[in-house]
N, C-alpha and C. Protein backbone atom coordinates (compact mmCIF):
# COMPACT_ATOMS: atom_id res chain seq x y z
N UNK A 1 130.12 21.84 161.87
CA UNK A 1 130.60 21.76 160.51
C UNK A 1 129.55 22.39 159.58
N UNK A 2 129.98 23.26 158.72
CA UNK A 2 129.09 23.93 157.78
C UNK A 2 128.90 23.07 156.53
N UNK A 3 127.68 23.02 156.07
CA UNK A 3 127.37 22.28 154.85
C UNK A 3 127.22 23.29 153.72
N UNK A 4 127.98 23.10 152.67
CA UNK A 4 127.88 24.00 151.52
C UNK A 4 127.14 23.29 150.41
N UNK A 5 126.25 24.02 149.78
CA UNK A 5 125.47 23.45 148.68
C UNK A 5 126.19 23.75 147.38
N UNK A 6 126.46 22.71 146.62
CA UNK A 6 127.15 22.88 145.34
C UNK A 6 126.12 23.19 144.26
N UNK A 7 126.36 24.25 143.51
CA UNK A 7 125.44 24.65 142.45
C UNK A 7 126.17 24.64 141.12
N UNK A 8 125.44 24.28 140.10
CA UNK A 8 125.96 24.27 138.74
C UNK A 8 125.79 25.67 138.14
N UNK A 9 126.57 25.96 137.10
CA UNK A 9 126.39 27.21 136.37
C UNK A 9 126.18 26.89 134.89
N UNK A 10 125.48 27.79 134.23
CA UNK A 10 125.22 27.64 132.80
C UNK A 10 125.40 28.99 132.13
N UNK A 11 125.84 28.99 130.88
CA UNK A 11 125.97 30.23 130.10
C UNK A 11 124.69 30.40 129.29
N UNK A 12 123.99 31.50 129.53
CA UNK A 12 122.71 31.77 128.88
C UNK A 12 122.84 33.03 128.04
N UNK A 13 122.38 33.01 126.78
CA UNK A 13 122.41 34.24 125.97
C UNK A 13 121.28 35.18 126.37
N UNK A 14 121.58 36.45 126.45
CA UNK A 14 120.57 37.47 126.76
C UNK A 14 119.55 37.51 125.62
N UNK A 15 118.24 37.54 125.92
CA UNK A 15 117.24 37.58 124.85
C UNK A 15 117.19 38.91 124.11
N UNK A 16 117.86 39.93 124.63
CA UNK A 16 117.86 41.25 123.99
C UNK A 16 119.08 41.46 123.09
N UNK A 17 120.27 41.08 123.60
CA UNK A 17 121.50 41.39 122.87
C UNK A 17 122.38 40.17 122.58
N UNK A 18 121.98 39.00 123.04
CA UNK A 18 122.69 37.73 122.81
C UNK A 18 124.03 37.61 123.54
N UNK A 19 124.38 38.53 124.44
CA UNK A 19 125.61 38.38 125.22
C UNK A 19 125.42 37.25 126.23
N UNK A 20 126.41 36.37 126.33
CA UNK A 20 126.30 35.26 127.27
C UNK A 20 126.48 35.75 128.70
N UNK A 21 125.66 35.19 129.58
CA UNK A 21 125.68 35.55 130.99
C UNK A 21 125.70 34.26 131.81
N UNK A 22 126.53 34.21 132.84
CA UNK A 22 126.60 33.02 133.70
C UNK A 22 125.42 33.03 134.67
N UNK A 23 124.74 31.89 134.75
CA UNK A 23 123.58 31.74 135.62
C UNK A 23 123.81 30.53 136.52
N UNK A 24 123.55 30.70 137.80
CA UNK A 24 123.65 29.60 138.75
C UNK A 24 122.36 28.80 138.70
N UNK A 25 122.45 27.49 138.49
CA UNK A 25 121.27 26.63 138.40
C UNK A 25 121.29 25.63 139.56
N UNK A 26 120.11 25.27 140.08
CA UNK A 26 120.07 24.39 141.25
C UNK A 26 120.50 22.95 140.98
N UNK A 27 120.37 22.50 139.72
CA UNK A 27 120.66 21.10 139.39
C UNK A 27 121.08 21.03 137.93
N UNK A 28 122.06 20.22 137.61
CA UNK A 28 122.54 20.10 136.24
C UNK A 28 121.54 19.46 135.30
N UNK A 29 120.54 18.75 135.84
CA UNK A 29 119.55 18.07 135.01
C UNK A 29 118.33 18.92 134.69
N UNK A 30 118.29 20.14 135.17
CA UNK A 30 117.12 21.00 134.99
C UNK A 30 117.13 21.66 133.61
N UNK A 31 115.94 21.84 133.02
CA UNK A 31 115.82 22.57 131.75
C UNK A 31 115.69 24.05 132.06
N UNK A 32 116.35 24.88 131.27
CA UNK A 32 116.30 26.33 131.47
C UNK A 32 115.42 26.97 130.41
N UNK A 33 114.57 27.90 130.83
CA UNK A 33 113.72 28.64 129.91
C UNK A 33 113.93 30.12 130.17
N UNK A 34 114.33 30.86 129.14
CA UNK A 34 114.62 32.29 129.25
C UNK A 34 113.38 33.08 128.85
N UNK A 35 113.03 34.07 129.67
CA UNK A 35 111.88 34.94 129.37
C UNK A 35 112.26 36.40 129.59
N UNK A 36 111.62 37.25 128.81
CA UNK A 36 111.84 38.69 128.95
C UNK A 36 111.00 39.30 130.06
N UNK A 37 109.99 38.58 130.52
CA UNK A 37 109.13 39.10 131.59
C UNK A 37 108.93 38.02 132.65
N UNK A 38 108.56 38.45 133.83
CA UNK A 38 108.39 37.53 134.95
C UNK A 38 107.01 36.89 134.88
N UNK A 39 106.93 35.62 135.27
CA UNK A 39 105.66 34.90 135.32
C UNK A 39 105.13 34.93 136.76
N UNK A 40 103.90 34.53 136.93
CA UNK A 40 103.28 34.56 138.26
C UNK A 40 103.79 33.48 139.19
N UNK A 41 104.32 32.39 138.63
CA UNK A 41 104.77 31.29 139.48
C UNK A 41 105.93 30.57 138.81
N UNK A 42 106.57 29.71 139.57
CA UNK A 42 107.67 28.91 139.04
C UNK A 42 109.00 29.27 139.69
N UNK A 43 109.87 28.29 139.77
CA UNK A 43 111.21 28.48 140.32
C UNK A 43 112.05 29.20 139.28
N UNK A 44 112.57 30.37 139.63
CA UNK A 44 113.30 31.17 138.66
C UNK A 44 114.36 32.03 139.34
N UNK A 45 115.17 32.68 138.54
CA UNK A 45 116.13 33.65 139.01
C UNK A 45 116.12 34.84 138.07
N UNK A 46 116.40 36.02 138.61
CA UNK A 46 116.49 37.23 137.80
C UNK A 46 117.95 37.42 137.41
N UNK A 47 118.19 37.69 136.14
CA UNK A 47 119.55 37.80 135.60
C UNK A 47 119.72 39.16 134.94
N UNK A 48 120.91 39.72 135.06
CA UNK A 48 121.25 40.96 134.37
C UNK A 48 122.51 40.71 133.55
N UNK A 49 122.43 40.97 132.24
CA UNK A 49 123.56 40.73 131.36
C UNK A 49 124.57 41.87 131.47
N UNK A 50 125.76 41.75 130.86
CA UNK A 50 126.76 42.81 130.90
C UNK A 50 126.28 44.15 130.31
N UNK A 51 125.25 44.12 129.46
CA UNK A 51 124.71 45.35 128.87
C UNK A 51 123.54 45.90 129.69
N UNK A 52 123.37 45.42 130.92
CA UNK A 52 122.33 45.87 131.86
C UNK A 52 120.90 45.53 131.46
N UNK A 53 120.71 44.51 130.63
CA UNK A 53 119.37 44.03 130.32
C UNK A 53 118.95 43.05 131.41
N UNK A 54 117.72 43.17 131.89
CA UNK A 54 117.22 42.26 132.91
C UNK A 54 116.26 41.26 132.27
N UNK A 55 116.45 39.97 132.62
CA UNK A 55 115.56 38.92 132.14
C UNK A 55 115.48 37.83 133.19
N UNK A 56 114.57 36.88 132.98
CA UNK A 56 114.31 35.84 133.96
C UNK A 56 114.62 34.47 133.36
N UNK A 57 115.22 33.62 134.18
CA UNK A 57 115.51 32.25 133.77
C UNK A 57 114.72 31.33 134.70
N UNK A 58 113.88 30.48 134.09
CA UNK A 58 113.04 29.54 134.83
C UNK A 58 113.65 28.15 134.78
N UNK A 59 113.53 27.43 135.90
CA UNK A 59 114.05 26.08 136.02
C UNK A 59 112.89 25.11 135.89
N UNK A 60 112.87 24.34 134.80
CA UNK A 60 111.76 23.40 134.54
C UNK A 60 112.21 21.97 134.76
């Protein structure tokens, strides 16, 4: 039997153009922090908005 992990999603505005982008988050209780550049450490995901801007969302 396969175990599937259920993930939450959140709508995050792009820091460049403010277009909302859907982001998969590991837990609904986590705080999200949006950054224009990548940090050296931390649990994060790379996101690309509909206008092709790349940014990082950190899970705190």
